N, C-alpha and C. Protein backbone atom coordinates (compact mmCIF):
# COMPACT_ATOMS: atom_id res chain seq x y z
N MET A 1 70.40 14.06 24.94
CA MET A 1 70.47 13.62 23.56
C MET A 1 69.12 13.74 22.87
N GLN A 2 68.28 14.57 23.35
CA GLN A 2 66.95 14.73 22.78
C GLN A 2 67.02 15.00 21.28
N GLY A 3 66.30 14.21 20.50
CA GLY A 3 66.25 14.39 19.07
C GLY A 3 67.45 13.84 18.32
N ALA A 4 68.44 13.33 19.02
CA ALA A 4 69.64 12.81 18.35
C ALA A 4 69.42 11.41 17.80
N GLY A 5 68.36 10.74 18.20
CA GLY A 5 68.11 9.39 17.74
C GLY A 5 68.90 8.38 18.55
N ALA A 6 68.89 7.16 18.08
CA ALA A 6 69.57 6.08 18.78
C ALA A 6 70.47 5.32 17.83
N THR A 7 71.48 4.70 18.39
CA THR A 7 72.32 3.79 17.62
C THR A 7 72.20 2.41 18.26
N ILE A 8 72.19 1.39 17.41
CA ILE A 8 72.12 0.00 17.87
C ILE A 8 73.34 -0.70 17.31
N THR A 9 74.16 -1.24 18.21
CA THR A 9 75.40 -1.89 17.81
C THR A 9 75.38 -3.35 18.24
N PRO A 10 75.40 -4.29 17.28
CA PRO A 10 75.50 -5.70 17.67
C PRO A 10 76.94 -6.03 18.05
N TYR A 11 77.12 -6.60 19.22
CA TYR A 11 78.45 -7.01 19.66
C TYR A 11 78.64 -8.49 19.34
N ARG A 12 79.81 -8.83 18.78
CA ARG A 12 80.09 -10.21 18.39
C ARG A 12 79.90 -11.12 19.59
N ASP A 13 79.13 -12.17 19.40
CA ASP A 13 78.84 -13.17 20.43
C ASP A 13 78.22 -12.57 21.69
N GLY A 14 77.54 -11.44 21.53
CA GLY A 14 76.96 -10.77 22.70
C GLY A 14 75.68 -10.03 22.37
N PRO A 15 75.37 -9.03 23.18
CA PRO A 15 74.09 -8.33 23.07
C PRO A 15 74.07 -7.25 21.99
N LEU A 16 72.90 -6.65 21.84
CA LEU A 16 72.74 -5.43 21.05
C LEU A 16 72.87 -4.28 22.04
N ILE A 17 73.77 -3.35 21.78
CA ILE A 17 73.93 -2.18 22.64
C ILE A 17 73.14 -1.04 22.00
N VAL A 18 72.20 -0.49 22.75
CA VAL A 18 71.37 0.62 22.27
C VAL A 18 71.78 1.86 23.04
N ARG A 19 72.14 2.91 22.29
CA ARG A 19 72.57 4.17 22.91
C ARG A 19 71.77 5.32 22.32
N GLY A 20 71.39 6.27 23.16
CA GLY A 20 70.76 7.48 22.65
C GLY A 20 69.35 7.67 23.14
N ASP A 21 68.57 8.34 22.30
CA ASP A 21 67.19 8.70 22.61
C ASP A 21 66.28 7.65 21.97
N PHE A 22 65.75 6.73 22.77
CA PHE A 22 64.92 5.66 22.24
C PHE A 22 63.74 5.40 23.18
N ARG A 23 62.77 4.68 22.66
CA ARG A 23 61.61 4.25 23.44
C ARG A 23 61.53 2.74 23.31
N LEU A 24 61.45 2.03 24.42
CA LEU A 24 61.40 0.58 24.44
C LEU A 24 60.00 0.15 24.87
N VAL A 25 59.36 -0.70 24.06
CA VAL A 25 58.01 -1.18 24.38
C VAL A 25 57.96 -2.69 24.29
N ASP A 26 57.01 -3.31 25.02
CA ASP A 26 56.84 -4.75 24.93
C ASP A 26 55.90 -5.09 23.77
N GLN A 27 55.60 -6.37 23.58
CA GLN A 27 54.79 -6.79 22.44
C GLN A 27 53.37 -6.24 22.45
N ASP A 28 52.90 -5.78 23.61
CA ASP A 28 51.57 -5.18 23.71
C ASP A 28 51.60 -3.66 23.60
N GLY A 29 52.79 -3.11 23.41
CA GLY A 29 52.93 -1.67 23.28
C GLY A 29 53.14 -0.92 24.58
N ALA A 30 53.21 -1.66 25.69
CA ALA A 30 53.45 -1.03 26.99
C ALA A 30 54.92 -0.62 27.09
N GLU A 31 55.15 0.59 27.54
CA GLU A 31 56.52 1.09 27.62
C GLU A 31 57.30 0.42 28.74
N ILE A 32 58.54 0.08 28.43
CA ILE A 32 59.48 -0.46 29.41
C ILE A 32 60.49 0.64 29.70
N ASP A 33 60.57 1.06 30.94
CA ASP A 33 61.50 2.13 31.30
C ASP A 33 62.85 1.52 31.68
N PRO A 34 63.86 1.68 30.83
CA PRO A 34 65.17 1.10 31.15
C PRO A 34 65.93 1.90 32.20
N GLY A 35 65.51 3.14 32.44
CA GLY A 35 66.15 3.96 33.45
C GLY A 35 67.50 4.54 33.06
N ARG A 36 67.86 4.43 31.79
CA ARG A 36 69.14 4.97 31.32
C ARG A 36 69.11 5.14 29.81
N ASN A 37 70.14 5.78 29.27
CA ASN A 37 70.22 6.03 27.82
C ASN A 37 71.07 5.02 27.07
N THR A 38 71.69 4.08 27.78
CA THR A 38 72.45 3.01 27.14
C THR A 38 72.03 1.70 27.78
N ILE A 39 71.61 0.74 26.94
CA ILE A 39 71.18 -0.57 27.44
C ILE A 39 71.77 -1.67 26.57
N ALA A 40 71.81 -2.88 27.12
CA ALA A 40 72.23 -4.07 26.38
C ALA A 40 71.01 -4.98 26.27
N LEU A 41 70.62 -5.29 25.04
CA LEU A 41 69.48 -6.17 24.80
C LEU A 41 69.96 -7.58 24.46
N CYS A 42 69.31 -8.57 25.05
CA CYS A 42 69.67 -9.97 24.87
C CYS A 42 69.46 -10.41 23.42
N ARG A 43 70.44 -11.13 22.87
CA ARG A 43 70.29 -11.77 21.56
C ARG A 43 70.27 -13.28 21.67
N CYS A 44 70.74 -13.82 22.79
CA CYS A 44 70.86 -15.28 22.90
C CYS A 44 69.55 -15.94 23.31
N GLY A 45 68.63 -15.18 23.91
CA GLY A 45 67.35 -15.73 24.33
C GLY A 45 67.39 -16.42 25.69
N LYS A 46 68.51 -16.40 26.37
CA LYS A 46 68.64 -17.12 27.63
C LYS A 46 68.75 -16.22 28.86
N SER A 47 68.68 -14.92 28.69
CA SER A 47 68.80 -13.98 29.80
C SER A 47 67.67 -14.18 30.82
N GLY A 48 68.00 -14.02 32.07
CA GLY A 48 67.00 -14.09 33.13
C GLY A 48 66.28 -12.78 33.35
N ILE A 49 66.70 -11.72 32.63
CA ILE A 49 66.08 -10.40 32.80
C ILE A 49 65.68 -9.82 31.44
N LYS A 50 65.14 -10.67 30.56
CA LYS A 50 64.75 -10.23 29.22
C LYS A 50 63.84 -9.01 29.30
N PRO A 51 63.95 -8.09 28.40
CA PRO A 51 64.74 -8.12 27.16
C PRO A 51 66.19 -7.71 27.35
N PHE A 52 66.62 -7.48 28.58
CA PHE A 52 67.98 -7.01 28.82
C PHE A 52 68.95 -8.17 28.93
N CYS A 53 70.19 -7.91 28.61
CA CYS A 53 71.26 -8.91 28.69
C CYS A 53 71.75 -9.03 30.13
N ASP A 54 71.95 -10.27 30.59
CA ASP A 54 72.53 -10.49 31.92
C ASP A 54 73.87 -11.22 31.85
N GLY A 55 74.41 -11.38 30.64
CA GLY A 55 75.70 -12.04 30.47
C GLY A 55 75.63 -13.54 30.28
N THR A 56 74.43 -14.11 30.27
CA THR A 56 74.28 -15.56 30.12
C THR A 56 74.87 -16.06 28.81
N HIS A 57 74.91 -15.22 27.78
CA HIS A 57 75.45 -15.64 26.48
C HIS A 57 76.87 -16.18 26.61
N LYS A 58 77.63 -15.67 27.57
CA LYS A 58 79.01 -16.13 27.76
C LYS A 58 79.05 -17.58 28.23
N ARG A 59 78.14 -17.95 29.11
CA ARG A 59 78.09 -19.32 29.64
C ARG A 59 77.40 -20.29 28.69
N SER A 60 76.51 -19.78 27.85
CA SER A 60 75.72 -20.66 26.98
C SER A 60 76.40 -20.98 25.66
N GLY A 61 77.51 -20.30 25.35
CA GLY A 61 78.20 -20.55 24.09
C GLY A 61 77.55 -19.87 22.90
N PHE A 62 76.74 -18.85 23.16
CA PHE A 62 76.07 -18.11 22.08
C PHE A 62 77.10 -17.57 21.10
N SER A 63 76.79 -17.68 19.82
CA SER A 63 77.70 -17.20 18.79
C SER A 63 76.91 -16.42 17.74
N ALA A 64 77.36 -15.22 17.46
CA ALA A 64 76.75 -14.39 16.42
C ALA A 64 77.77 -13.35 15.99
N PRO A 65 77.80 -13.04 14.71
CA PRO A 65 78.74 -12.02 14.24
C PRO A 65 78.32 -10.63 14.71
N SER A 66 79.26 -9.70 14.65
CA SER A 66 78.90 -8.33 15.00
C SER A 66 78.30 -7.60 13.81
N ALA A 67 78.70 -7.97 12.61
CA ALA A 67 78.18 -7.30 11.41
C ALA A 67 76.86 -7.92 10.98
N SER A 68 76.02 -7.10 10.40
CA SER A 68 74.73 -7.56 9.90
C SER A 68 74.95 -8.49 8.71
N SER A 69 74.17 -9.56 8.65
CA SER A 69 74.26 -10.48 7.52
C SER A 69 73.14 -10.24 6.51
N ARG A 70 72.31 -9.26 6.78
CA ARG A 70 71.19 -8.93 5.89
C ARG A 70 71.28 -7.47 5.46
N PRO A 71 70.56 -7.12 4.37
CA PRO A 71 70.54 -5.70 3.97
C PRO A 71 69.94 -4.85 5.08
N ARG A 72 70.40 -3.62 5.15
CA ARG A 72 69.86 -2.69 6.14
C ARG A 72 68.40 -2.37 5.81
N PRO A 73 67.54 -2.18 6.83
CA PRO A 73 66.13 -1.85 6.58
C PRO A 73 65.96 -0.63 5.69
N ALA A 74 66.76 0.42 5.88
CA ALA A 74 66.63 1.62 5.04
C ALA A 74 66.93 1.29 3.59
N GLN A 75 67.88 0.41 3.36
CA GLN A 75 68.21 0.00 1.99
C GLN A 75 67.03 -0.75 1.38
N ILE A 76 66.40 -1.63 2.14
CA ILE A 76 65.25 -2.39 1.64
C ILE A 76 64.11 -1.44 1.30
N ILE A 77 63.85 -0.46 2.16
CA ILE A 77 62.77 0.50 1.92
C ILE A 77 63.04 1.31 0.66
N ARG A 78 64.28 1.79 0.50
CA ARG A 78 64.62 2.56 -0.70
C ARG A 78 64.44 1.72 -1.95
N GLU A 79 64.90 0.47 -1.92
CA GLU A 79 64.80 -0.39 -3.09
C GLU A 79 63.34 -0.70 -3.41
N ALA A 80 62.51 -0.89 -2.38
CA ALA A 80 61.10 -1.18 -2.60
C ALA A 80 60.36 0.02 -3.18
N GLY A 81 60.84 1.22 -2.89
CA GLY A 81 60.19 2.43 -3.36
C GLY A 81 60.59 2.87 -4.75
N ARG A 82 61.54 2.17 -5.36
CA ARG A 82 61.98 2.56 -6.70
C ARG A 82 60.91 2.23 -7.74
N PRO A 83 60.68 3.13 -8.67
CA PRO A 83 59.71 2.84 -9.74
C PRO A 83 60.27 1.79 -10.68
N GLU A 84 59.37 1.03 -11.27
CA GLU A 84 59.77 0.01 -12.24
C GLU A 84 60.40 0.66 -13.46
N ALA A 85 61.47 0.09 -13.95
CA ALA A 85 62.16 0.65 -15.13
C ALA A 85 61.64 0.02 -16.39
């Protein structure tokens, strides 16, 4: 999938599924090798193998919608770049 980019899909009451060509780094910029092209990232904050999901969200009662509740980043960037009328 070289050059195809990545897709990130939030699953209702579950993780973010990342598929494709991506690079994962920690807060210091060190690369984390996931060893595959599809990963599940924790959204509940309770995983024992962060940043990856271990299924703990099911036992913890984590709840989150699958759809985004905020504007998409690309939409925000486009709107910020518009000249004043």
